[in-house]
Amino acid sequence: MQEVAVITGASRGIGRACAIELAKKNVKVIANYNKSKEKAEELKRELAEQGIEIDIFKCDVSKREEVKEMINFVLNKYGKIDILINNAGIAQEKLFTDLTDEDIDKMIDVNLKSVFYVTQETIKDMIHRQEGCIINISSVWGITGGSCEVHYSATKAGIIGMTKALAKEVGLSNIRVNAIAPGAIDTDMNKNLNQLEIEDLEKEIPLKRMGTPKDIANAVYMLIRNPYITGQVIKVDGGWID
């Protein structure tokens, strides 16, 4: 029976690459988006032209009720969810002393609470069926911390803690929970870098290049297919962070 995967924040960047990778591997993909409707529809069209059908679903994953609607849609249509990739997230560079309550709340809601909401609503089915694979997209800043990105780093560190703890809790139900910590990846989150800054950054990376969303998607697929990896945080950063 065809596997079913829900991918949050799938209209662009890493989420989009994961959607393409899984769809081409004969996984039924439900690609979540919130504001990027045109990008989501473009992804759906692109795959349809290759004979691959996916679903796209608008949902603000920082809102519990909208998450419930999305997960219920998937379960009603396909009867199960085998794979969950929690990828949706935002970034912001700002001095710690300048952070407002709104900045902090939004970062926590979108980057961390959403992972709790989507996972809680999805994992009930996985526990019932005694199988499942959850992959959370964190960041190397969740491991080392990033200057001027304290609230972002805190949410990504929170995802790592959640991943390790949940893996221990649901292992008996044959559910695997892992995280990927991307390094410098060529996505919209790094579009603020100019060419000189990119070149300086690449000098620090042993593989001498920024990563691509496909690099992350490849790691995601590896974790999906290995049945004996759980509770791990896999850095995909070209050797950048010790």
C-alpha atoms as a PDB file:
ATOM      1  CA  MET A   1       0.000   0.000   0.000  1.00  0.00           C
ATOM      2  CA  GLN A   2       1.285   3.461  -0.917  1.00  0.00           C
ATOM      3  CA  GLU A   3       2.798   5.438   1.949  1.00  0.00           C
ATOM      4  CA  VAL A   4       1.236   8.763   2.899  1.00  0.00           C
ATOM      5  CA  ALA A   5       3.350  11.759   3.955  1.00  0.00           C
ATOM      6  CA  VAL A   6       2.375  15.152   5.361  1.00  0.00           C
ATOM      7  CA  ILE A   7       4.984  17.877   4.857  1.00  0.00           C
ATOM      8  CA  THR A   8       4.498  21.269   6.476  1.00  0.00           C
ATOM      9  CA  GLY A   9       5.817  24.405   4.816  1.00  0.00           C
ATOM     10  CA  ALA A  10       6.120  22.508   1.547  1.00  0.00           C
ATOM     11  CA  SER A  11       5.603  25.271  -0.993  1.00  0.00           C
ATOM     12  CA  ARG A  12       9.217  26.475  -0.976  1.00  0.00           C
ATOM     13  CA  GLY A  13      12.783  25.601  -0.068  1.00  0.00           C
ATOM     14  CA  ILE A  14      13.458  22.476   1.953  1.00  0.00           C
ATOM     15  CA  GLY A  15       9.806  21.496   2.227  1.00  0.00           C
ATOM     16  CA  ARG A  16       9.343  21.713  -1.522  1.00  0.00           C
ATOM     17  CA  ALA A  17      12.443  19.595  -2.147  1.00  0.00           C
ATOM     18  CA  CYS A  18      11.173  16.982   0.313  1.00  0.00           C
ATOM     19  CA  ALA A  19       7.776  16.929  -1.408  1.00  0.00           C
ATOM     20  CA  ILE A  20       9.392  16.350  -4.807  1.00  0.00           C
ATOM     21  CA  GLU A  21      11.772  13.688  -3.478  1.00  0.00           C
ATOM     22  CA  LEU A  22       9.043  11.680  -1.775  1.00  0.00           C
ATOM     23  CA  ALA A  23       6.490  12.075  -4.547  1.00  0.00           C
ATOM     24  CA  LYS A  24       8.991  10.777  -7.087  1.00  0.00           C
ATOM     25  CA  LYS A  25       9.610   7.799  -4.782  1.00  0.00           C
ATOM     26  CA  ASN A  26       5.903   6.867  -5.017  1.00  0.00           C
ATOM     27  CA  VAL A  27       4.878   8.365  -1.675  1.00  0.00           C
ATOM     28  CA  LYS A  28       1.499  10.122  -1.615  1.00  0.00           C
ATOM     29  CA  VAL A  29       2.355  13.655  -0.533  1.00  0.00           C
ATOM     30  CA  ILE A  30       0.146  16.196   1.179  1.00  0.00           C
ATOM     31  CA  ALA A  31       2.004  19.498   0.846  1.00  0.00           C
ATOM     32  CA  ASN A  32       0.998  22.071   3.428  1.00  0.00           C
ATOM     33  CA  TYR A  33       1.281  25.798   2.813  1.00  0.00           C
ATOM     34  CA  ASN A  34      -0.038  28.916   4.504  1.00  0.00           C
ATOM     35  CA  LYS A  35       0.605  32.113   2.538  1.00  0.00           C
ATOM     36  CA  SER A  36       2.413  30.831  -0.560  1.00  0.00           C
ATOM     37  CA  LYS A  37      -0.613  29.592  -2.497  1.00  0.00           C
ATOM     38  CA  GLU A  38       0.893  30.309  -5.916  1.00  0.00           C
ATOM     39  CA  LYS A  39       4.075  28.413  -5.072  1.00  0.00           C
ATOM     40  CA  ALA A  40       2.060  25.447  -3.788  1.00  0.00           C
ATOM     41  CA  GLU A  41      -0.065  25.354  -6.929  1.00  0.00           C
ATOM     42  CA  GLU A  42       3.083  25.628  -9.048  1.00  0.00           C
ATOM     43  CA  LEU A  43       4.542  22.604  -7.232  1.00  0.00           C
ATOM     44  CA  LYS A  44       1.348  20.634  -7.820  1.00  0.00           C
ATOM     45  CA  ARG A  45       1.359  21.528 -11.534  1.00  0.00           C
ATOM     46  CA  GLU A  46       5.038  20.709 -11.929  1.00  0.00           C
ATOM     47  CA  LEU A  47       4.572  17.210 -10.556  1.00  0.00           C
ATOM     48  CA  ALA A  48       1.296  16.689 -12.436  1.00  0.00           C
ATOM     49  CA  GLU A  49       3.182  17.323 -15.671  1.00  0.00           C
ATOM     50  CA  GLN A  50       5.351  14.346 -14.711  1.00  0.00           C
ATOM     51  CA  GLY A  51       2.316  12.188 -14.014  1.00  0.00           C
ATOM     52  CA  ILE A  52       2.561  12.562 -10.232  1.00  0.00           C
ATOM     53  CA  GLU A  53      -0.438  13.742  -8.217  1.00  0.00           C
ATOM     54  CA  ILE A  54      -0.094  15.403  -4.825  1.00  0.00           C
ATOM     55  CA  ASP A  55      -2.511  17.224  -2.539  1.00  0.00           C
ATOM     56  CA  ILE A  56      -1.901  20.754  -1.349  1.00  0.00           C
ATOM     57  CA  PHE A  57      -3.584  22.037   1.799  1.00  0.00           C
ATOM     58  CA  LYS A  58      -3.705  25.567   3.222  1.00  0.00           C
ATOM     59  CA  CYS A  59      -3.193  25.565   6.958  1.00  0.00           C
ATOM     60  CA  ASP A  60      -1.580  27.882   9.495  1.00  0.00           C
ATOM     61  CA  VAL A  61       0.237  25.247  11.526  1.00  0.00           C
ATOM     62  CA  SER A  62       0.554  27.624  14.470  1.00  0.00           C
ATOM     63  CA  LYS A  63      -3.219  27.302  14.971  1.00  0.00           C
ATOM     64  CA  ARG A  64      -4.435  24.063  16.556  1.00  0.00           C
ATOM     65  CA  GLU A  65      -7.895  24.060  14.928  1.00  0.00           C
ATOM     66  CA  GLU A  66      -6.492  24.494  11.428  1.00  0.00           C
ATOM     67  CA  VAL A  67      -4.039  21.668  12.076  1.00  0.00           C
ATOM     68  CA  LYS A  68      -6.905  19.409  13.143  1.00  0.00           C
ATOM     69  CA  GLU A  69      -8.742  20.199   9.903  1.00  0.00           C
ATOM     70  CA  MET A  70      -5.694  19.319   7.807  1.00  0.00           C
ATOM     71  CA  ILE A  71      -4.944  16.049   9.587  1.00  0.00           C
ATOM     72  CA  ASN A  72      -8.617  15.026   9.509  1.00  0.00           C
ATOM     73  CA  PHE A  73      -8.665  15.728   5.767  1.00  0.00           C
ATOM     74  CA  VAL A  74      -5.709  13.415   5.224  1.00  0.00           C
ATOM     75  CA  LEU A  75      -7.030  10.641   7.448  1.00  0.00           C
ATOM     76  CA  ASN A  76     -10.492  10.800   5.903  1.00  0.00           C
ATOM     77  CA  LYS A  77      -9.072  10.667   2.382  1.00  0.00           C
ATOM     78  CA  TYR A  78      -6.221   8.175   2.818  1.00  0.00           C
ATOM     79  CA  GLY A  79      -6.958   6.445   6.113  1.00  0.00           C
ATOM     80  CA  LYS A  80      -3.469   6.869   7.538  1.00  0.00           C
ATOM     81  CA  ILE A  81      -0.337   8.975   7.799  1.00  0.00           C
ATOM     82  CA  ASP A  82       2.954   7.073   7.571  1.00  0.00           C
ATOM     83  CA  ILE A  83       5.400   9.980   7.443  1.00  0.00           C
ATOM     84  CA  LEU A  84       5.333  13.440   8.999  1.00  0.00           C
ATOM     85  CA  ILE A  85       7.916  16.070   8.144  1.00  0.00           C
ATOM     86  CA  ASN A  86       7.690  19.150  10.356  1.00  0.00           C
ATOM     87  CA  ASN A  87       9.431  21.717   8.211  1.00  0.00           C
ATOM     88  CA  ALA A  88       7.392  24.938   8.478  1.00  0.00           C
ATOM     89  CA  GLY A  89       9.302  27.757  10.096  1.00  0.00           C
ATOM     90  CA  ILE A  90      10.380  31.383  10.031  1.00  0.00           C
ATOM     91  CA  ALA A  91      13.635  33.197  10.775  1.00  0.00           C
ATOM     92  CA  GLN A  92      14.500  36.673  11.970  1.00  0.00           C
ATOM     93  CA  GLU A  93      17.783  38.452  12.666  1.00  0.00           C
ATOM     94  CA  LYS A  94      17.485  40.913  15.508  1.00  0.00           C
ATOM     95  CA  LEU A  95      19.447  41.978  18.568  1.00  0.00           C
ATOM     96  CA  PHE A  96      18.281  40.154  21.670  1.00  0.00           C
ATOM     97  CA  THR A  97      17.667  43.436  23.504  1.00  0.00           C
ATOM     98  CA  ASP A  98      15.422  44.622  20.647  1.00  0.00           C
ATOM     99  CA  LEU A  99      13.150  41.577  20.591  1.00  0.00           C
ATOM    100  CA  THR A 100       9.514  42.418  21.257  1.00  0.00           C
ATOM    101  CA  ASP A 101       6.884  40.193  22.839  1.00  0.00           C
ATOM    102  CA  GLU A 102       5.374  39.862  19.381  1.00  0.00           C
ATOM    103  CA  ASP A 103       8.706  38.723  17.890  1.00  0.00           C
ATOM    104  CA  ILE A 104       9.166  36.091  20.578  1.00  0.00           C
ATOM    105  CA  ASP A 105       5.576  34.832  20.509  1.00  0.00           C
ATOM    106  CA  LYS A 106       5.473  34.563  16.718  1.00  0.00           C
ATOM    107  CA  MET A 107       8.770  32.668  16.578  1.00  0.00           C
ATOM    108  CA  ILE A 108       7.664  30.198  19.245  1.00  0.00           C
ATOM    109  CA  ASP A 109       4.197  29.766  17.718  1.00  0.00           C
ATOM    110  CA  VAL A 110       5.395  29.098  14.174  1.00  0.00           C
ATOM    111  CA  ASN A 111       8.642  27.226  14.830  1.00  0.00           C
ATOM    112  CA  LEU A 112       7.934  25.244  17.980  1.00  0.00           C
ATOM    113  CA  LYS A 113       4.259  25.118  18.932  1.00  0.00           C
ATOM    114  CA  SER A 114       3.403  24.073  15.383  1.00  0.00           C
ATOM    115  CA  VAL A 115       5.620  21.004  15.731  1.00  0.00           C
ATOM    116  CA  PHE A 116       3.731  20.050  18.907  1.00  0.00           C
ATOM    117  CA  TYR A 117       0.328  20.647  17.286  1.00  0.00           C
ATOM    118  CA  VAL A 118       0.943  18.770  14.030  1.00  0.00           C
ATOM    119  CA  THR A 119       2.729  15.911  15.763  1.00  0.00           C
ATOM    120  CA  GLN A 120       0.064  15.502  18.438  1.00  0.00           C
ATOM    121  CA  GLU A 121      -2.733  15.372  15.876  1.00  0.00           C
ATOM    122  CA  THR A 122      -0.802  12.971  13.636  1.00  0.00           C
ATOM    123  CA  ILE A 123       0.735  10.617  16.148  1.00  0.00           C
ATOM    124  CA  LYS A 124      -2.598   9.330  17.439  1.00  0.00           C
ATOM    125  CA  ASP A 125      -3.068   7.417  14.181  1.00  0.00           C
ATOM    126  CA  MET A 126       0.531   6.222  14.220  1.00  0.00           C
ATOM    127  CA  ILE A 127       0.172   4.864  17.758  1.00  0.00           C
ATOM    128  CA  HIS A 128      -3.058   3.116  16.795  1.00  0.00           C
ATOM    129  CA  ARG A 129      -1.349   1.457  13.809  1.00  0.00           C
ATOM    130  CA  GLN A 130       1.915   0.883  15.711  1.00  0.00           C
ATOM    131  CA  GLU A 131       4.120   2.438  13.040  1.00  0.00           C
ATOM    132  CA  GLY A 132       5.256   5.801  11.789  1.00  0.00           C
ATOM    133  CA  CYS A 133       8.165   8.089  10.989  1.00  0.00           C
ATOM    134  CA  ILE A 134       8.464  11.696  12.133  1.00  0.00           C
ATOM    135  CA  ILE A 135      11.244  14.011  10.982  1.00  0.00           C
ATOM    136  CA  ASN A 136      11.620  17.481  12.437  1.00  0.00           C
ATOM    137  CA  ILE A 137      13.649  20.134  10.654  1.00  0.00           C
ATOM    138  CA  SER A 138      15.775  21.977  13.207  1.00  0.00           C
ATOM    139  CA  SER A 139      18.971  23.952  12.491  1.00  0.00           C
ATOM    140  CA  VAL A 140      22.646  23.960  13.420  1.00  0.00           C
ATOM    141  CA  TRP A 141      21.756  27.074  15.421  1.00  0.00           C
ATOM    142  CA  GLY A 142      19.635  24.792  17.577  1.00  0.00           C
ATOM    143  CA  ILE A 143      22.885  23.026  18.483  1.00  0.00           C
ATOM    144  CA  THR A 144      25.361  25.899  18.733  1.00  0.00           C
ATOM    145  CA  GLY A 145      23.188  29.015  18.942  1.00  0.00           C
ATOM    146  CA  GLY A 146      23.350  31.897  16.501  1.00  0.00           C
ATOM    147  CA  SER A 147      24.194  35.508  17.333  1.00  0.00           C
ATOM    148  CA  CYS A 148      21.309  37.916  16.676  1.00  0.00           C
ATOM    149  CA  GLU A 149      19.007  34.913  16.284  1.00  0.00           C
ATOM    150  CA  VAL A 150      18.462  34.001  19.919  1.00  0.00           C
ATOM    151  CA  HIS A 151      14.696  33.410  19.662  1.00  0.00           C
ATOM    152  CA  TYR A 152      15.158  31.402  16.449  1.00  0.00           C
ATOM    153  CA  SER A 153      17.962  29.353  18.027  1.00  0.00           C
ATOM    154  CA  ALA A 154      15.825  28.697  21.101  1.00  0.00           C
ATOM    155  CA  THR A 155      12.958  27.287  19.043  1.00  0.00           C
ATOM    156  CA  LYS A 156      15.279  25.067  17.020  1.00  0.00           C
ATOM    157  CA  ALA A 157      16.916  23.814  20.220  1.00  0.00           C
ATOM    158  CA  GLY A 158      13.435  23.114  21.549  1.00  0.00           C
ATOM    159  CA  ILE A 159      12.718  20.960  18.509  1.00  0.00           C
ATOM    160  CA  ILE A 160      15.847  18.936  19.244  1.00  0.00           C
ATOM    161  CA  GLY A 161      14.804  18.362  22.856  1.00  0.00           C
ATOM    162  CA  MET A 162      11.313  17.386  21.770  1.00  0.00           C
ATOM    163  CA  THR A 163      12.684  14.990  19.166  1.00  0.00           C
ATOM    164  CA  LYS A 164      14.911  13.125  21.602  1.00  0.00           C
ATOM    165  CA  ALA A 165      12.260  12.897  24.318  1.00  0.00           C
ATOM    166  CA  LEU A 166       9.419  11.844  22.008  1.00  0.00           C
ATOM    167  CA  ALA A 167      11.576   9.175  20.369  1.00  0.00           C
ATOM    168  CA  LYS A 168      11.972   7.531  23.783  1.00  0.00           C
ATOM    169  CA  GLU A 169       8.268   7.810  24.538  1.00  0.00           C
ATOM    170  CA  VAL A 170       6.894   6.314  21.318  1.00  0.00           C
ATOM    171  CA  GLY A 171       9.616   3.822  20.450  1.00  0.00           C
ATOM    172  CA  LEU A 172       7.504   1.020  21.940  1.00  0.00           C
ATOM    173  CA  SER A 173       4.851   1.894  19.359  1.00  0.00           C
ATOM    174  CA  ASN A 174       7.391   1.407  16.547  1.00  0.00           C
ATOM    175  CA  ILE A 175       7.381   5.121  15.788  1.00  0.00           C
ATOM    176  CA  ARG A 176      10.706   6.736  14.942  1.00  0.00           C
ATOM    177  CA  VAL A 177      11.383  10.402  15.619  1.00  0.00           C
ATOM    178  CA  ASN A 178      14.478  12.154  14.288  1.00  0.00           C
ATOM    179  CA  ALA A 179      15.638  15.673  13.527  1.00  0.00           C
ATOM    180  CA  ILE A 180      17.760  17.171  10.808  1.00  0.00           C
ATOM    181  CA  ALA A 181      19.883  20.234  11.544  1.00  0.00           C
ATOM    182  CA  PRO A 182      20.628  22.006   8.253  1.00  0.00           C
ATOM    183  CA  GLY A 183      23.608  24.328   7.989  1.00  0.00           C
ATOM    184  CA  ALA A 184      23.835  27.152   5.454  1.00  0.00           C
ATOM    185  CA  ILE A 185      21.275  26.188   2.816  1.00  0.00           C
ATOM    186  CA  ASP A 186      20.490  28.114  -0.360  1.00  0.00           C
ATOM    187  CA  THR A 187      16.878  29.024   0.444  1.00  0.00           C
ATOM    188  CA  ASP A 188      14.848  32.198   0.843  1.00  0.00           C
ATOM    189  CA  MET A 189      15.984  32.391   4.483  1.00  0.00           C
ATOM    190  CA  ASN A 190      19.485  33.259   3.230  1.00  0.00           C
ATOM    191  CA  LYS A 191      18.483  35.601   0.415  1.00  0.00           C
ATOM    192  CA  ASN A 192      19.654  38.528   2.553  1.00  0.00           C
ATOM    193  CA  LEU A 193      23.275  37.488   1.977  1.00  0.00           C
ATOM    194  CA  ASN A 194      25.156  39.275  -0.800  1.00  0.00           C
ATOM    195  CA  GLN A 195      27.677  37.520  -3.032  1.00  0.00           C
ATOM    196  CA  LEU A 196      30.680  38.547  -0.950  1.00  0.00           C
ATOM    197  CA  GLU A 197      29.031  37.277   2.232  1.00  0.00           C
ATOM    198  CA  ILE A 198      28.210  33.987   0.515  1.00  0.00           C
ATOM    199  CA  GLU A 199      31.811  33.590  -0.635  1.00  0.00           C
ATOM    200  CA  ASP A 200      33.123  34.303   2.866  1.00  0.00           C
ATOM    201  CA  LEU A 201      30.674  31.800   4.326  1.00  0.00           C
ATOM    202  CA  GLU A 202      31.623  29.103   1.840  1.00  0.00           C
ATOM    203  CA  LYS A 203      35.285  29.497   2.816  1.00  0.00           C
ATOM    204  CA  GLU A 204      34.319  28.333   6.320  1.00  0.00           C
ATOM    205  CA  ILE A 205      32.562  25.208   5.042  1.00  0.00           C
ATOM    206  CA  PRO A 206      34.860  22.216   4.418  1.00  0.00           C
ATOM    207  CA  LEU A 207      32.896  21.231   1.300  1.00  0.00           C
ATOM    208  CA  LYS A 208      33.263  24.849   0.079  1.00  0.00           C
ATOM    209  CA  ARG A 209      29.633  25.376  -0.906  1.00  0.00           C
ATOM    210  CA  MET A 210      26.273  26.151   0.599  1.00  0.00           C
ATOM    211  CA  GLY A 211      23.886  23.257   0.814  1.00  0.00           C
ATOM    212  CA  THR A 212      20.833  22.853  -1.384  1.00  0.00           C
ATOM    213  CA  PRO A 213      17.287  21.891  -0.404  1.00  0.00           C
ATOM    214  CA  LYS A 214      17.903  18.624  -2.270  1.00  0.00           C
ATOM    215  CA  ASP A 215      20.770  17.841   0.131  1.00  0.00           C
ATOM    216  CA  ILE A 216      18.290  18.031   3.010  1.00  0.00           C
ATOM    217  CA  ALA A 217      15.654  16.047   1.130  1.00  0.00           C
ATOM    218  CA  ASN A 218      18.191  13.273   0.546  1.00  0.00           C
ATOM    219  CA  ALA A 219      18.880  13.102   4.289  1.00  0.00           C
ATOM    220  CA  VAL A 220      15.161  13.036   5.013  1.00  0.00           C
ATOM    221  CA  TYR A 221      14.660  10.100   2.692  1.00  0.00           C
ATOM    222  CA  MET A 222      17.592   8.257   4.264  1.00  0.00           C
ATOM    223  CA  LEU A 223      15.991   8.593   7.705  1.00  0.00           C
ATOM    224  CA  ILE A 224      12.628   7.440   6.382  1.00  0.00           C
ATOM    225  CA  ARG A 225      14.132   4.297   4.922  1.00  0.00           C
ATOM    226  CA  ASN A 226      16.388   3.281   7.824  1.00  0.00           C
ATOM    227  CA  PRO A 227      14.206   1.431  10.372  1.00  0.00           C
ATOM    228  CA  TYR A 228      16.791   1.470  13.166  1.00  0.00           C
ATOM    229  CA  ILE A 229      17.491   5.181  13.533  1.00  0.00           C
ATOM    230  CA  THR A 230      15.524   7.148  16.102  1.00  0.00           C
ATOM    231  CA  GLY A 231      16.129   9.952  18.576  1.00  0.00           C
ATOM    232  CA  GLN A 232      18.958  11.351  16.448  1.00  0.00           C
ATOM    233  CA  VAL A 233      19.899  14.819  15.254  1.00  0.00           C
ATOM    234  CA  ILE A 234      21.598  14.617  11.874  1.00  0.00           C
ATOM    235  CA  LYS A 235      23.651  17.653  10.868  1.00  0.00           C
ATOM    236  CA  VAL A 236      23.617  18.326   7.134  1.00  0.00           C
ATOM    237  CA  ASP A 237      26.021  21.224   6.912  1.00  0.00           C
ATOM    238  CA  GLY A 238      28.984  20.270   4.729  1.00  0.00           C
ATOM    239  CA  GLY A 239      31.141  19.875   7.829  1.00  0.00           C
ATOM    240  CA  TRP A 240      30.637  23.513   8.841  1.00  0.00           C
ATOM    241  CA  ILE A 241      29.780  23.073  12.532  1.00  0.00           C
ATOM    242  CA  ASP A 242      31.906  20.923  14.863  1.00  0.00           C
END
